[in-house]
PDB file of N, CA and C in Angstrom:
ATOM      1  N   MET A   1     275.786  91.278 215.281  1.00  0.00           N
ATOM      2  CA  MET A   1     275.173  92.582 215.445  1.00  0.00           C
ATOM      3  C   MET A   1     273.692  92.465 215.799  1.00  0.00           C
ATOM      4  N   ALA A   2     272.996  91.497 215.203  1.00  0.00           N
ATOM      5  CA  ALA A   2     271.574  91.312 215.486  1.00  0.00           C
ATOM      6  C   ALA A   2     271.342  90.963 216.945  1.00  0.00           C
ATOM      7  N   ILE A   3     272.244  90.184 217.527  1.00  0.00           N
ATOM      8  CA  ILE A   3     272.109  89.814 218.938  1.00  0.00           C
ATOM      9  C   ILE A   3     272.248  91.049 219.817  1.00  0.00           C
ATOM     10  N   VAL A   4     273.199  91.912 219.501  1.00  0.00           N
ATOM     11  CA  VAL A   4     273.391  93.138 220.280  1.00  0.00           C
ATOM     12  C   VAL A   4     272.142  94.008 220.178  1.00  0.00           C
ATOM     13  N   ASN A   5     271.592  94.161 218.974  1.00  0.00           N
ATOM     14  CA  ASN A   5     270.373  94.956 218.800  1.00  0.00           C
ATOM     15  C   ASN A   5     269.218  94.366 219.590  1.00  0.00           C
ATOM     16  N   LYS A   6     269.113  93.040 219.605  1.00  0.00           N
ATOM     17  CA  LYS A   6     268.038  92.379 220.346  1.00  0.00           C
ATOM     18  C   LYS A   6     268.188  92.623 221.849  1.00  0.00           C
ATOM     19  N   VAL A   7     269.420  92.583 222.341  1.00  0.00           N
ATOM     20  CA  VAL A   7     269.666  92.839 223.769  1.00  0.00           C
ATOM     21  C   VAL A   7     269.257  94.270 224.121  1.00  0.00           C
ATOM     22  N   VAL A   8     269.632  95.215 223.281  1.00  0.00           N
ATOM     23  CA  VAL A   8     269.277  96.611 223.532  1.00  0.00           C
ATOM     24  C   VAL A   8     267.762  96.784 223.471  1.00  0.00           C
ATOM     25  N   GLU A   9     267.136  96.170 222.470  1.00  0.00           N
ATOM     26  CA  GLU A   9     265.674  96.238 222.352  1.00  0.00           C
ATOM     27  C   GLU A   9     265.006  95.650 223.596  1.00  0.00           C
ATOM     28  N   ASP A  10     265.506  94.507 224.064  1.00  0.00           N
ATOM     29  CA  ASP A  10     264.948  93.890 225.272  1.00  0.00           C
ATOM     30  C   ASP A  10     265.080  94.816 226.471  1.00  0.00           C
ATOM     31  N   GLN A  11     266.206  95.481 226.607  1.00  0.00           N
ATOM     32  CA  GLN A  11     266.416  96.389 227.736  1.00  0.00           C
ATOM     33  C   GLN A  11     265.441  97.573 227.679  1.00  0.00           C
ATOM     34  N   VAL A  12     265.249  98.111 226.489  1.00  0.00           N
ATOM     35  CA  VAL A  12     264.313  99.232 226.321  1.00  0.00           C
ATOM     36  C   VAL A  12     262.899  98.792 226.678  1.00  0.00           C
ATOM     37  N   LEU A  13     262.494  97.625 226.163  1.00  0.00           N
ATOM     38  CA  LEU A  13     261.159  97.119 226.463  1.00  0.00           C
ATOM     39  C   LEU A  13     260.997  96.804 227.943  1.00  0.00           C
ATOM     40  N   ASP A  14     262.012  96.204 228.556  1.00  0.00           N
ATOM     41  CA  ASP A  14     261.946  95.894 229.988  1.00  0.00           C
ATOM     42  C   ASP A  14     261.715  97.153 230.807  1.00  0.00           C
ATOM     43  N   ARG A  15     262.465  98.217 230.501  1.00  0.00           N
ATOM     44  CA  ARG A  15     262.309  99.467 231.254  1.00  0.00           C
ATOM     45  C   ARG A  15     260.924 100.078 231.022  1.00  0.00           C
ATOM     46  N   ALA A  16     260.464 100.058 229.783  1.00  0.00           N
ATOM     47  CA  ALA A  16     259.159 100.661 229.478  1.00  0.00           C
ATOM     48  C   ALA A  16     258.036  99.906 230.181  1.00  0.00           C
ATOM     49  N   TYR A  17     258.018  98.585 230.032  1.00  0.00           N
ATOM     50  CA  TYR A  17     256.926  97.814 230.640  1.00  0.00           C
ATOM     51  C   TYR A  17     257.026  97.806 232.163  1.00  0.00           C
ATOM     52  N   SER A  18     258.216  97.840 232.698  1.00  0.00           N
ATOM     53  CA  SER A  18     258.376  97.929 234.147  1.00  0.00           C
ATOM     54  C   SER A  18     257.819  99.268 234.647  1.00  0.00           C
ATOM     55  N   ALA A  19     258.118 100.330 233.925  1.00  0.00           N
ATOM     56  CA  ALA A  19     257.606 101.653 234.309  1.00  0.00           C
ATOM     57  C   ALA A  19     256.085 101.681 234.230  1.00  0.00           C
ATOM     58  N   LEU A  20     255.528 101.063 233.210  1.00  0.00           N
ATOM     59  CA  LEU A  20     254.076 101.066 233.024  1.00  0.00           C
ATOM     60  C   LEU A  20     253.351 100.142 233.993  1.00  0.00           C
ATOM     61  N   ALA A  21     254.080  99.252 234.633  1.00  0.00           N
ATOM     62  CA  ALA A  21     253.459  98.285 235.545  1.00  0.00           C
ATOM     63  C   ALA A  21     252.966  98.927 236.836  1.00  0.00           C
ATOM     64  N   ASP A  22     253.372 100.160 237.100  1.00  0.00           N
ATOM     65  CA  ASP A  22     252.996 100.829 238.339  1.00  0.00           C
ATOM     66  C   ASP A  22     251.870 101.832 238.087  1.00  0.00           C
ATOM     67  N   SER A  23     250.809 101.745 238.867  1.00  0.00           N
ATOM     68  CA  SER A  23     249.638 102.603 238.649  1.00  0.00           C
ATOM     69  C   SER A  23     249.952 104.087 238.867  1.00  0.00           C
ATOM     70  N   THR A  24     250.834 104.405 239.792  1.00  0.00           N
ATOM     71  CA  THR A  24     251.193 105.810 240.015  1.00  0.00           C
ATOM     72  C   THR A  24     251.876 106.376 238.780  1.00  0.00           C
ATOM     73  N   ARG A  25     252.775 105.613 238.196  1.00  0.00           N
ATOM     74  CA  ARG A  25     253.469 106.096 236.999  1.00  0.00           C
ATOM     75  C   ARG A  25     252.501 106.233 235.816  1.00  0.00           C
ATOM     76  N   ARG A  26     251.529 105.320 235.718  1.00  0.00           N
ATOM     77  CA  ARG A  26     250.534 105.468 234.653  1.00  0.00           C
ATOM     78  C   ARG A  26     249.710 106.734 234.870  1.00  0.00           C
ATOM     79  N   ARG A  27     249.368 107.035 236.121  1.00  0.00           N
ATOM     80  CA  ARG A  27     248.622 108.268 236.421  1.00  0.00           C
ATOM     81  C   ARG A  27     249.437 109.505 236.058  1.00  0.00           C
ATOM     82  N   LEU A  28     250.740 109.445 236.334  1.00  0.00           N
ATOM     83  CA  LEU A  28     251.604 110.574 235.978  1.00  0.00           C
ATOM     84  C   LEU A  28     251.626 110.773 234.461  1.00  0.00           C
ATOM     85  N   LEU A  29     251.730 109.681 233.715  1.00  0.00           N
ATOM     86  CA  LEU A  29     251.721 109.779 232.256  1.00  0.00           C
ATOM     87  C   LEU A  29     250.391 110.342 231.753  1.00  0.00           C
ATOM     88  N   GLU A  30     249.296 109.899 232.361  1.00  0.00           N
ATOM     89  CA  GLU A  30     247.982 110.414 231.979  1.00  0.00           C
ATOM     90  C   GLU A  30     247.883 111.912 232.250  1.00  0.00           C
ATOM     91  N   ALA A  31     248.399 112.349 233.384  1.00  0.00           N
ATOM     92  CA  ALA A  31     248.365 113.775 233.725  1.00  0.00           C
ATOM     93  C   ALA A  31     249.182 114.589 232.718  1.00  0.00           C
ATOM     94  N   LEU A  32     250.269 114.020 232.233  1.00  0.00           N
ATOM     95  CA  LEU A  32     251.131 114.739 231.299  1.00  0.00           C
ATOM     96  C   LEU A  32     250.537 114.828 229.894  1.00  0.00           C
ATOM     97  N   ARG A  33     249.478 114.099 229.622  1.00  0.00           N
ATOM     98  CA  ARG A  33     248.810 114.247 228.322  1.00  0.00           C
ATOM     99  C   ARG A  33     248.230 115.644 228.168  1.00  0.00           C
ATOM    100  N   GLU A  34     247.952 116.299 229.302  1.00  0.00           N
ATOM    101  CA  GLU A  34     247.434 117.668 229.279  1.00  0.00           C
ATOM    102  C   GLU A  34     248.521 118.668 228.900  1.00  0.00           C
ATOM    103  N   GLY A  35     249.778 118.270 229.020  1.00  0.00           N
ATOM    104  CA  GLY A  35     250.898 119.154 228.696  1.00  0.00           C
ATOM    105  C   GLY A  35     251.965 119.092 229.773  1.00  0.00           C
ATOM    106  N   ASP A  36     253.020 119.845 229.566  1.00  0.00           N
ATOM    107  CA  ASP A  36     254.128 119.899 230.526  1.00  0.00           C
ATOM    108  C   ASP A  36     253.600 120.282 231.909  1.00  0.00           C
ATOM    109  N   ALA A  37     254.259 119.753 232.930  1.00  0.00           N
ATOM    110  CA  ALA A  37     253.827 120.065 234.299  1.00  0.00           C
ATOM    111  C   ALA A  37     255.037 120.086 235.220  1.00  0.00           C
ATOM    112  N   ARG A  38     254.920 120.881 236.265  1.00  0.00           N
ATOM    113  CA  ARG A  38     255.949 120.877 237.303  1.00  0.00           C
ATOM    114  C   ARG A  38     255.759 119.634 238.159  1.00  0.00           C
ATOM    115  N   ILE A  39     256.841 119.106 238.679  1.00  0.00           N
ATOM    116  CA  ILE A  39     256.740 117.922 239.530  1.00  0.00           C
ATOM    117  C   ILE A  39     255.855 118.223 240.737  1.00  0.00           C
ATOM    118  N   SER A  40     255.952 119.420 241.274  1.00  0.00           N
ATOM    119  CA  SER A  40     255.110 119.764 242.433  1.00  0.00           C
ATOM    120  C   SER A  40     253.622 119.708 242.078  1.00  0.00           C
ATOM    121  N   ASP A  41     253.263 120.108 240.857  1.00  0.00           N
ATOM    122  CA  ASP A  41     251.859 120.028 240.435  1.00  0.00           C
ATOM    123  C   ASP A  41     251.424 118.580 240.234  1.00  0.00           C
ATOM    124  N   LEU A  42     252.326 117.754 239.723  1.00  0.00           N
ATOM    125  CA  LEU A  42     252.014 116.333 239.548  1.00  0.00           C
ATOM    126  C   LEU A  42     251.860 115.638 240.898  1.00  0.00           C
ATOM    127  N   ALA A  43     252.653 116.078 241.879  1.00  0.00           N
ATOM    128  CA  ALA A  43     252.644 115.449 243.202  1.00  0.00           C
ATOM    129  C   ALA A  43     251.415 115.833 244.026  1.00  0.00           C
ATOM    130  N   ALA A  44     250.878 117.028 243.795  1.00  0.00           N
ATOM    131  CA  ALA A  44     249.802 117.558 244.648  1.00  0.00           C
ATOM    132  C   ALA A  44     248.622 116.595 244.841  1.00  0.00           C
ATOM    133  N   PRO A  45     248.064 115.992 243.792  1.00  0.00           N
ATOM    134  CA  PRO A  45     246.896 115.136 244.013  1.00  0.00           C
ATOM    135  C   PRO A  45     247.226 113.716 244.480  1.00  0.00           C
ATOM    136  N   LEU A  46     248.496 113.388 244.552  1.00  0.00           N
ATOM    137  CA  LEU A  46     248.872 112.012 244.891  1.00  0.00           C
ATOM    138  C   LEU A  46     249.136 111.859 246.383  1.00  0.00           C
ATOM    139  N   PRO A  47     248.794 110.705 246.945  1.00  0.00           N
ATOM    140  CA  PRO A  47     248.988 110.470 248.379  1.00  0.00           C
ATOM    141  C   PRO A  47     250.410 110.016 248.702  1.00  0.00           C
ATOM    142  N   MET A  48     251.392 110.832 248.290  1.00  0.00           N
ATOM    143  CA  MET A  48     252.787 110.495 248.583  1.00  0.00           C
ATOM    144  C   MET A  48     253.595 111.773 248.636  1.00  0.00           C
ATOM    145  N   THR A  49     254.819 111.637 249.065  1.00  0.00           N
ATOM    146  CA  THR A  49     255.685 112.800 249.203  1.00  0.00           C
ATOM    147  C   THR A  49     256.180 113.270 247.838  1.00  0.00           C
ATOM    148  N   PHE A  50     256.656 114.490 247.821  1.00  0.00           N
ATOM    149  CA  PHE A  50     257.269 115.039 246.619  1.00  0.00           C
ATOM    150  C   PHE A  50     258.441 114.153 246.186  1.00  0.00           C
ATOM    151  N   ALA A  51     259.230 113.707 247.157  1.00  0.00           N
ATOM    152  CA  ALA A  51     260.387 112.852 246.849  1.00  0.00           C
ATOM    153  C   ALA A  51     259.940 111.538 246.201  1.00  0.00           C
ATOM    154  N   GLY A  52     258.825 110.990 246.677  1.00  0.00           N
ATOM    155  CA  GLY A  52     258.306 109.757 246.094  1.00  0.00           C
ATOM    156  C   GLY A  52     257.898 109.950 244.643  1.00  0.00           C
ATOM    157  N   VAL A  53     257.217 111.055 244.380  1.00  0.00           N
ATOM    158  CA  VAL A  53     256.815 111.352 243.004  1.00  0.00           C
ATOM    159  C   VAL A  53     258.052 111.581 242.141  1.00  0.00           C
ATOM    160  N   SER A  54     259.028 112.265 242.682  1.00  0.00           N
ATOM    161  CA  SER A  54     260.263 112.516 241.940  1.00  0.00           C
ATOM    162  C   SER A  54     260.961 111.198 241.571  1.00  0.00           C
ATOM    163  N   ARG A  55     260.929 110.222 242.467  1.00  0.00           N
ATOM    164  CA  ARG A  55     261.519 108.905 242.164  1.00  0.00           C
ATOM    165  C   ARG A  55     260.748 108.221 241.032  1.00  0.00           C
ATOM    166  N   HIS A  56     259.421 108.332 241.057  1.00  0.00           N
ATOM    167  CA  HIS A  56     258.615 107.759 239.975  1.00  0.00           C
ATOM    168  C   HIS A  56     258.950 108.438 238.642  1.00  0.00           C
ATOM    169  N   ILE A  57     259.123 109.755 238.674  1.00  0.00           N
ATOM    170  CA  ILE A  57     259.508 110.483 237.461  1.00  0.00           C
ATOM    171  C   ILE A  57     260.867 109.980 236.974  1.00  0.00           C
ATOM    172  N   GLY A  58     261.777 109.702 237.903  1.00  0.00           N
ATOM    173  CA  GLY A  58     263.089 109.174 237.532  1.00  0.00           C
ATOM    174  C   GLY A  58     262.986 107.842 236.798  1.00  0.00           C
ATOM    175  N   VAL A  59     262.076 106.985 237.244  1.00  0.00           N
ATOM    176  CA  VAL A  59     261.862 105.694 236.573  1.00  0.00           C
ATOM    177  C   VAL A  59     261.316 105.924 235.162  1.00  0.00           C
ATOM    178  N   LEU A  60     260.365 106.848 235.039  1.00  0.00           N
ATOM    179  CA  LEU A  60     259.805 107.158 233.723  1.00  0.00           C
ATOM    180  C   LEU A  60     260.862 107.766 232.793  1.00  0.00           C
ATOM    181  N   GLU A  61     261.759 108.574 233.363  1.00  0.00           N
ATOM    182  CA  GLU A  61     262.861 109.127 232.569  1.00  0.00           C
ATOM    183  C   GLU A  61     263.794 108.024 232.083  1.00  0.00           C
ATOM    184  N   ALA A  62     264.167 107.130 232.984  1.00  0.00           N
ATOM    185  CA  ALA A  62     265.076 106.033 232.634  1.00  0.00           C
ATOM    186  C   ALA A  62     264.467 105.129 231.570  1.00  0.00           C
ATOM    187  N   ALA A  63     263.142 105.040 231.560  1.00  0.00           N
ATOM    188  CA  ALA A  63     262.440 104.220 230.566  1.00  0.00           C
ATOM    189  C   ALA A  63     262.267 104.966 229.241  1.00  0.00           C
ATOM    190  N   GLY A  64     262.644 106.237 229.214  1.00  0.00           N
ATOM    191  CA  GLY A  64     262.517 107.015 227.986  1.00  0.00           C
ATOM    192  C   GLY A  64     261.109 107.479 227.691  1.00  0.00           C
ATOM    193  N   LEU A  65     260.262 107.529 228.710  1.00  0.00           N
ATOM    194  CA  LEU A  65     258.869 107.913 228.509  1.00  0.00           C
ATOM    195  C   LEU A  65     258.611 109.393 228.755  1.00  0.00           C
ATOM    196  N   VAL A  66     259.446 110.014 229.592  1.00  0.00           N
ATOM    197  CA  VAL A  66     259.310 111.447 229.865  1.00  0.00           C
ATOM    198  C   VAL A  66     260.695 112.093 229.850  1.00  0.00           C
ATOM    199  N   GLN A  67     260.673 113.411 229.782  1.00  0.00           N
ATOM    200  CA  GLN A  67     261.922 114.163 229.922  1.00  0.00           C
ATOM    201  C   GLN A  67     261.700 115.291 230.919  1.00  0.00           C
ATOM    202  N   ARG A  68     262.768 115.637 231.596  1.00  0.00           N
ATOM    203  CA  ARG A  68     262.716 116.671 232.628  1.00  0.00           C
ATOM    204  C   ARG A  68     263.522 117.864 232.151  1.00  0.00           C
ATOM    205  N   GLU A  69     262.992 119.036 232.420  1.00  0.00           N
ATOM    206  CA  GLU A  69     263.698 120.273 232.086  1.00  0.00           C
ATOM    207  C   GLU A  69     263.693 121.148 233.333  1.00  0.00           C
ATOM    208  N   ILE A  70     264.839 121.686 233.660  1.00  0.00           N
ATOM    209  CA  ILE A  70     264.931 122.570 234.827  1.00  0.00           C
ATOM    210  C   ILE A  70     264.789 124.007 234.340  1.00  0.00           C
ATOM    211  N   ARG A  71     263.759 124.667 234.849  1.00  0.00           N
ATOM    212  CA  ARG A  71     263.504 126.070 234.523  1.00  0.00           C
ATOM    213  C   ARG A  71     263.605 126.859 235.823  1.00  0.00           C
ATOM    214  N   GLY A  72     264.699 127.542 235.977  1.00  0.00           N
ATOM    215  CA  GLY A  72     264.949 128.239 237.235  1.00  0.00           C
ATOM    216  C   GLY A  72     265.124 127.208 238.342  1.00  0.00           C
ATOM    217  N   ARG A  73     264.267 127.272 239.350  1.00  0.00           N
ATOM    218  CA  ARG A  73     264.334 126.314 240.460  1.00  0.00           C
ATOM    219  C   ARG A  73     263.330 125.186 240.317  1.00  0.00           C
ATOM    220  N   GLU A  74     262.547 125.220 239.266  1.00  0.00           N
ATOM    221  CA  GLU A  74     261.485 124.226 239.116  1.00  0.00           C
ATOM    222  C   GLU A  74     261.837 123.182 238.069  1.00  0.00           C
ATOM    223  N   HIS A  75     261.403 121.963 238.347  1.00  0.00           N
ATOM    224  CA  HIS A  75     261.601 120.858 237.417  1.00  0.00           C
ATOM    225  C   HIS A  75     260.285 120.619 236.674  1.00  0.00           C
ATOM    226  N   TRP A  76     260.332 120.743 235.361  1.00  0.00           N
ATOM    227  CA  TRP A  76     259.176 120.518 234.503  1.00  0.00           C
ATOM    228  C   TRP A  76     259.342 119.186 233.803  1.00  0.00           C
ATOM    229  N   VAL A  77     258.246 118.487 233.627  1.00  0.00           N
ATOM    230  CA  VAL A  77     258.263 117.167 233.010  1.00  0.00           C
ATOM    231  C   VAL A  77     257.330 117.191 231.808  1.00  0.00           C
ATOM    232  N   SER A  78     257.751 116.504 230.750  1.00  0.00           N
ATOM    233  CA  SER A  78     256.899 116.375 229.566  1.00  0.00           C
ATOM    234  C   SER A  78     257.030 114.961 229.015  1.00  0.00           C
ATOM    235  N   LEU A  79     256.019 114.550 228.266  1.00  0.00           N
ATOM    236  CA  LEU A  79     256.055 113.247 227.615  1.00  0.00           C
ATOM    237  C   LEU A  79     257.082 113.290 226.489  1.00  0.00           C
ATOM    238  N   LYS A  80     257.783 112.191 226.289  1.00  0.00           N
ATOM    239  CA  LYS A  80     258.664 112.078 225.131  1.00  0.00           C
ATOM    240  C   LYS A  80     257.825 111.555 223.976  1.00  0.00           C
ATOM    241  N   GLN A  81     257.896 112.226 222.868  1.00  0.00           N
ATOM    242  CA  GLN A  81     257.020 111.932 221.742  1.00  0.00           C
ATOM    243  C   GLN A  81     257.099 110.467 221.307  1.00  0.00           C
ATOM    244  N   ASP A  82     258.283 109.902 221.243  1.00  0.00           N
ATOM    245  CA  ASP A  82     258.443 108.523 220.763  1.00  0.00           C
ATOM    246  C   ASP A  82     258.674 107.536 221.896  1.00  0.00           C
ATOM    247  N   GLY A  83     258.334 107.923 223.107  1.00  0.00           N
ATOM    248  CA  GLY A  83     258.633 107.097 224.273  1.00  0.00           C
ATOM    249  C   GLY A  83     258.050 105.700 224.248  1.00  0.00           C
ATOM    250  N   LEU A  84     256.864 105.561 223.726  1.00  0.00           N
ATOM    251  CA  LEU A  84     256.201 104.253 223.723  1.00  0.00           C
ATOM    252  C   LEU A  84     256.250 103.547 222.369  1.00  0.00           C
ATOM    253  N   THR A  85     256.960 104.109 221.412  1.00  0.00           N
ATOM    254  CA  THR A  85     256.954 103.555 220.055  1.00  0.00           C
ATOM    255  C   THR A  85     257.400 102.105 220.019  1.00  0.00           C
ATOM    256  N   MET A  86     258.540 101.793 220.631  1.00  0.00           N
ATOM    257  CA  MET A  86     259.050 100.424 220.572  1.00  0.00           C
ATOM    258  C   MET A  86     258.123  99.453 221.307  1.00  0.00           C
ATOM    259  N   ALA A  87     257.598  99.873 222.452  1.00  0.00           N
ATOM    260  CA  ALA A  87     256.680  99.011 223.208  1.00  0.00           C
ATOM    261  C   ALA A  87     255.396  98.781 222.412  1.00  0.00           C
ATOM    262  N   GLN A  88     254.919  99.817 221.751  1.00  0.00           N
ATOM    263  CA  GLN A  88     253.708  99.690 220.944  1.00  0.00           C
ATOM    264  C   GLN A  88     253.952  98.771 219.750  1.00  0.00           C
ATOM    265  N   GLN A  89     255.113  98.899 219.112  1.00  0.00           N
ATOM    266  CA  GLN A  89     255.442  98.027 217.983  1.00  0.00           C
ATOM    267  C   GLN A  89     255.490  96.566 218.414  1.00  0.00           C
ATOM    268  N   TRP A  90     256.081  96.315 219.567  1.00  0.00           N
ATOM    269  CA  TRP A  90     256.175  94.939 220.064  1.00  0.00           C
ATOM    270  C   TRP A  90     254.776  94.375 220.309  1.00  0.00           C
ATOM    271  N   MET A  91     253.919  95.177 220.936  1.00  0.00           N
ATOM    272  CA  MET A  91     252.545  94.724 221.203  1.00  0.00           C
ATOM    273  C   MET A  91     251.798  94.458 219.898  1.00  0.00           C
ATOM    274  N   THR A  92     251.986  95.313 218.917  1.00  0.00           N
ATOM    275  CA  THR A  92     251.327  95.123 217.621  1.00  0.00           C
ATOM    276  C   THR A  92     251.783  93.822 216.972  1.00  0.00           C
ATOM    277  N   GLU A  93     253.087  93.548 217.023  1.00  0.00           N
ATOM    278  CA  GLU A  93     253.609  92.297 216.458  1.00  0.00           C
ATOM    279  C   GLU A  93     253.003  91.088 217.157  1.00  0.00           C
ATOM    280  N   GLN A  94     252.902  91.142 218.477  1.00  0.00           N
ATOM    281  CA  GLN A  94     252.333  90.026 219.225  1.00  0.00           C
ATOM    282  C   GLN A  94     250.848  89.852 218.900  1.00  0.00           C
ATOM    283  N   THR A  95     250.128  90.959 218.830  1.00  0.00           N
ATOM    284  CA  THR A  95     248.701  90.907 218.519  1.00  0.00           C
ATOM    285  C   THR A  95     248.483  90.331 217.119  1.00  0.00           C
ATOM    286  N   ASP A  96     249.289  90.787 216.162  1.00  0.00           N
ATOM    287  CA  ASP A  96     249.172  90.276 214.794  1.00  0.00           C
ATOM    288  C   ASP A  96     249.446  88.775 214.752  1.00  0.00           C
ATOM    289  N   PHE A  97     250.490  88.340 215.457  1.00  0.00           N
ATOM    290  CA  PHE A  97     250.841  86.918 215.478  1.00  0.00           C
ATOM    291  C   PHE A  97     249.691  86.085 216.036  1.00  0.00           C
ATOM    292  N   TRP A  98     249.184  86.485 217.192  1.00  0.00           N
ATOM    293  CA  TRP A  98     248.128  85.700 217.830  1.00  0.00           C
ATOM    294  C   TRP A  98     246.818  85.780 217.065  1.00  0.00           C
ATOM    295  N   SER A  99     246.536  86.894 216.420  1.00  0.00           N
ATOM    296  CA  SER A  99     245.332  86.992 215.588  1.00  0.00           C
ATOM    297  C   SER A  99     245.429  86.032 214.414  1.00  0.00           C
ATOM    298  N   THR A 100     246.606  85.953 213.798  1.00  0.00           N
ATOM    299  CA  THR A 100     246.820  85.029 212.687  1.00  0.00           C
ATOM    300  C   THR A 100     246.643  83.599 213.143  1.00  0.00           C
ATOM    301  N   ARG A 101     247.200  83.271 214.297  1.00  0.00           N
ATOM    302  CA  ARG A 101     247.075  81.914 214.837  1.00  0.00           C
ATOM    303  C   ARG A 101     245.616  81.590 215.158  1.00  0.00           C
ATOM    304  N   ALA A 102     244.898  82.536 215.738  1.00  0.00           N
ATOM    305  CA  ALA A 102     243.488  82.307 216.071  1.00  0.00           C
ATOM    306  C   ALA A 102     242.660  82.132 214.802  1.00  0.00           C
ATOM    307  N   ASP A 103     242.966  82.924 213.772  1.00  0.00           N
ATOM    308  CA  ASP A 103     242.252  82.786 212.501  1.00  0.00           C
ATOM    309  C   ASP A 103     242.508  81.420 211.880  1.00  0.00           C
ATOM    310  N   ALA A 104     243.763  80.951 211.940  1.00  0.00           N
ATOM    311  CA  ALA A 104     244.102  79.635 211.389  1.00  0.00           C
ATOM    312  C   ALA A 104     243.374  78.530 212.157  1.00  0.00           C
ATOM    313  N   LEU A 105     243.304  78.662 213.461  1.00  0.00           N
ATOM    314  CA  LEU A 105     242.587  77.667 214.267  1.00  0.00           C
ATOM    315  C   LEU A 105     241.096  77.659 213.925  1.00  0.00           C
ATOM    316  N   ALA A 106     240.503  78.837 213.800  1.00  0.00           N
ATOM    317  CA  ALA A 106     239.085  78.929 213.461  1.00  0.00           C
ATOM    318  C   ALA A 106     238.811  78.291 212.096  1.00  0.00           C
ATOM    319  N   ALA A 107     239.698  78.550 211.129  1.00  0.00           N
ATOM    320  CA  ALA A 107     239.518  77.956 209.800  1.00  0.00           C
ATOM    321  C   ALA A 107     239.636  76.437 209.866  1.00  0.00           C
ATOM    322  N   ARG A 108     240.568  75.948 210.629  1.00  0.00           N
ATOM    323  CA  ARG A 108     240.740  74.488 210.768  1.00  0.00           C
ATOM    324  C   ARG A 108     239.508  73.862 211.420  1.00  0.00           C
ATOM    325  N   LEU A 109     238.986  74.489 212.447  1.00  0.00           N
ATOM    326  CA  LEU A 109     237.800  73.962 213.119  1.00  0.00           C
ATOM    327  C   LEU A 109     236.586  73.971 212.190  1.00  0.00           C
ATOM    328  N   ARG A 110     236.462  75.009 211.363  1.00  0.00           N
ATOM    329  CA  ARG A 110     235.364  75.058 210.392  1.00  0.00           C
ATOM    330  C   ARG A 110     235.485  73.910 209.380  1.00  0.00           C
ATOM    331  N   ARG A 111     236.698  73.690 208.873  1.00  0.00           N
ATOM    332  CA  ARG A 111     236.921  72.590 207.915  1.00  0.00           C
ATOM    333  C   ARG A 111     236.602  71.257 208.542  1.00  0.00           C
ATOM    334  N   LYS A 112     237.024  71.095 209.779  1.00  0.00           N
ATOM    335  CA  LYS A 112     236.784  69.829 210.482  1.00  0.00           C
ATOM    336  C   LYS A 112     235.284  69.616 210.679  1.00  0.00           C
ATOM    337  N   ALA A 113     234.563  70.660 211.055  1.00  0.00           N
ATOM    338  CA  ALA A 113     233.119  70.547 211.276  1.00  0.00           C
ATOM    339  C   ALA A 113     232.394  70.259 209.964  1.00  0.00           C
ATOM    340  N   GLN A 114     232.866  70.831 208.868  1.00  0.00           N
ATOM    341  CA  GLN A 114     232.233  70.591 207.569  1.00  0.00           C
ATOM    342  C   GLN A 114     232.486  69.186 207.050  1.00  0.00           C
ATOM    343  N   SER A 115     233.606  68.598 207.431  1.00  0.00           N
ATOM    344  CA  SER A 115     233.945  67.260 206.939  1.00  0.00           C
ATOM    345  C   SER A 115     233.180  66.167 207.674  1.00  0.00           C
ATOM    346  N   ARG A 116     232.519  66.509 208.728  1.00  0.00           N
ATOM    347  CA  ARG A 116     231.767  65.497 209.499  1.00  0.00           C
ATOM    348  C   ARG A 116     230.444  65.220 208.924  1.00  0.00           C
TER     349      ARG A 116
END
């Protein structure tokens, strides 16, 4: 069961980090911090077609970072509240690990310098 959970976790992280790797998608996420927006409003300031922006939104949806709601003929997009939780947890674990390792190295170097 742990292996299955790890595979699912890896897939979620892969989609999230892949989505975040693109500057246009990061700009879209930043714009959505202001609140829900229509795709046409998100597309207006970008140098690409509406269809291109819609494809980027699709990637963000697949990564679980945003959700789309159809209101009449318009598609509205909003941030998913827990969209980055797993990616943030993974980064925190890595940062904690490397900070611990760096602290251990610094302590060892201090001991070595004092013993000379």
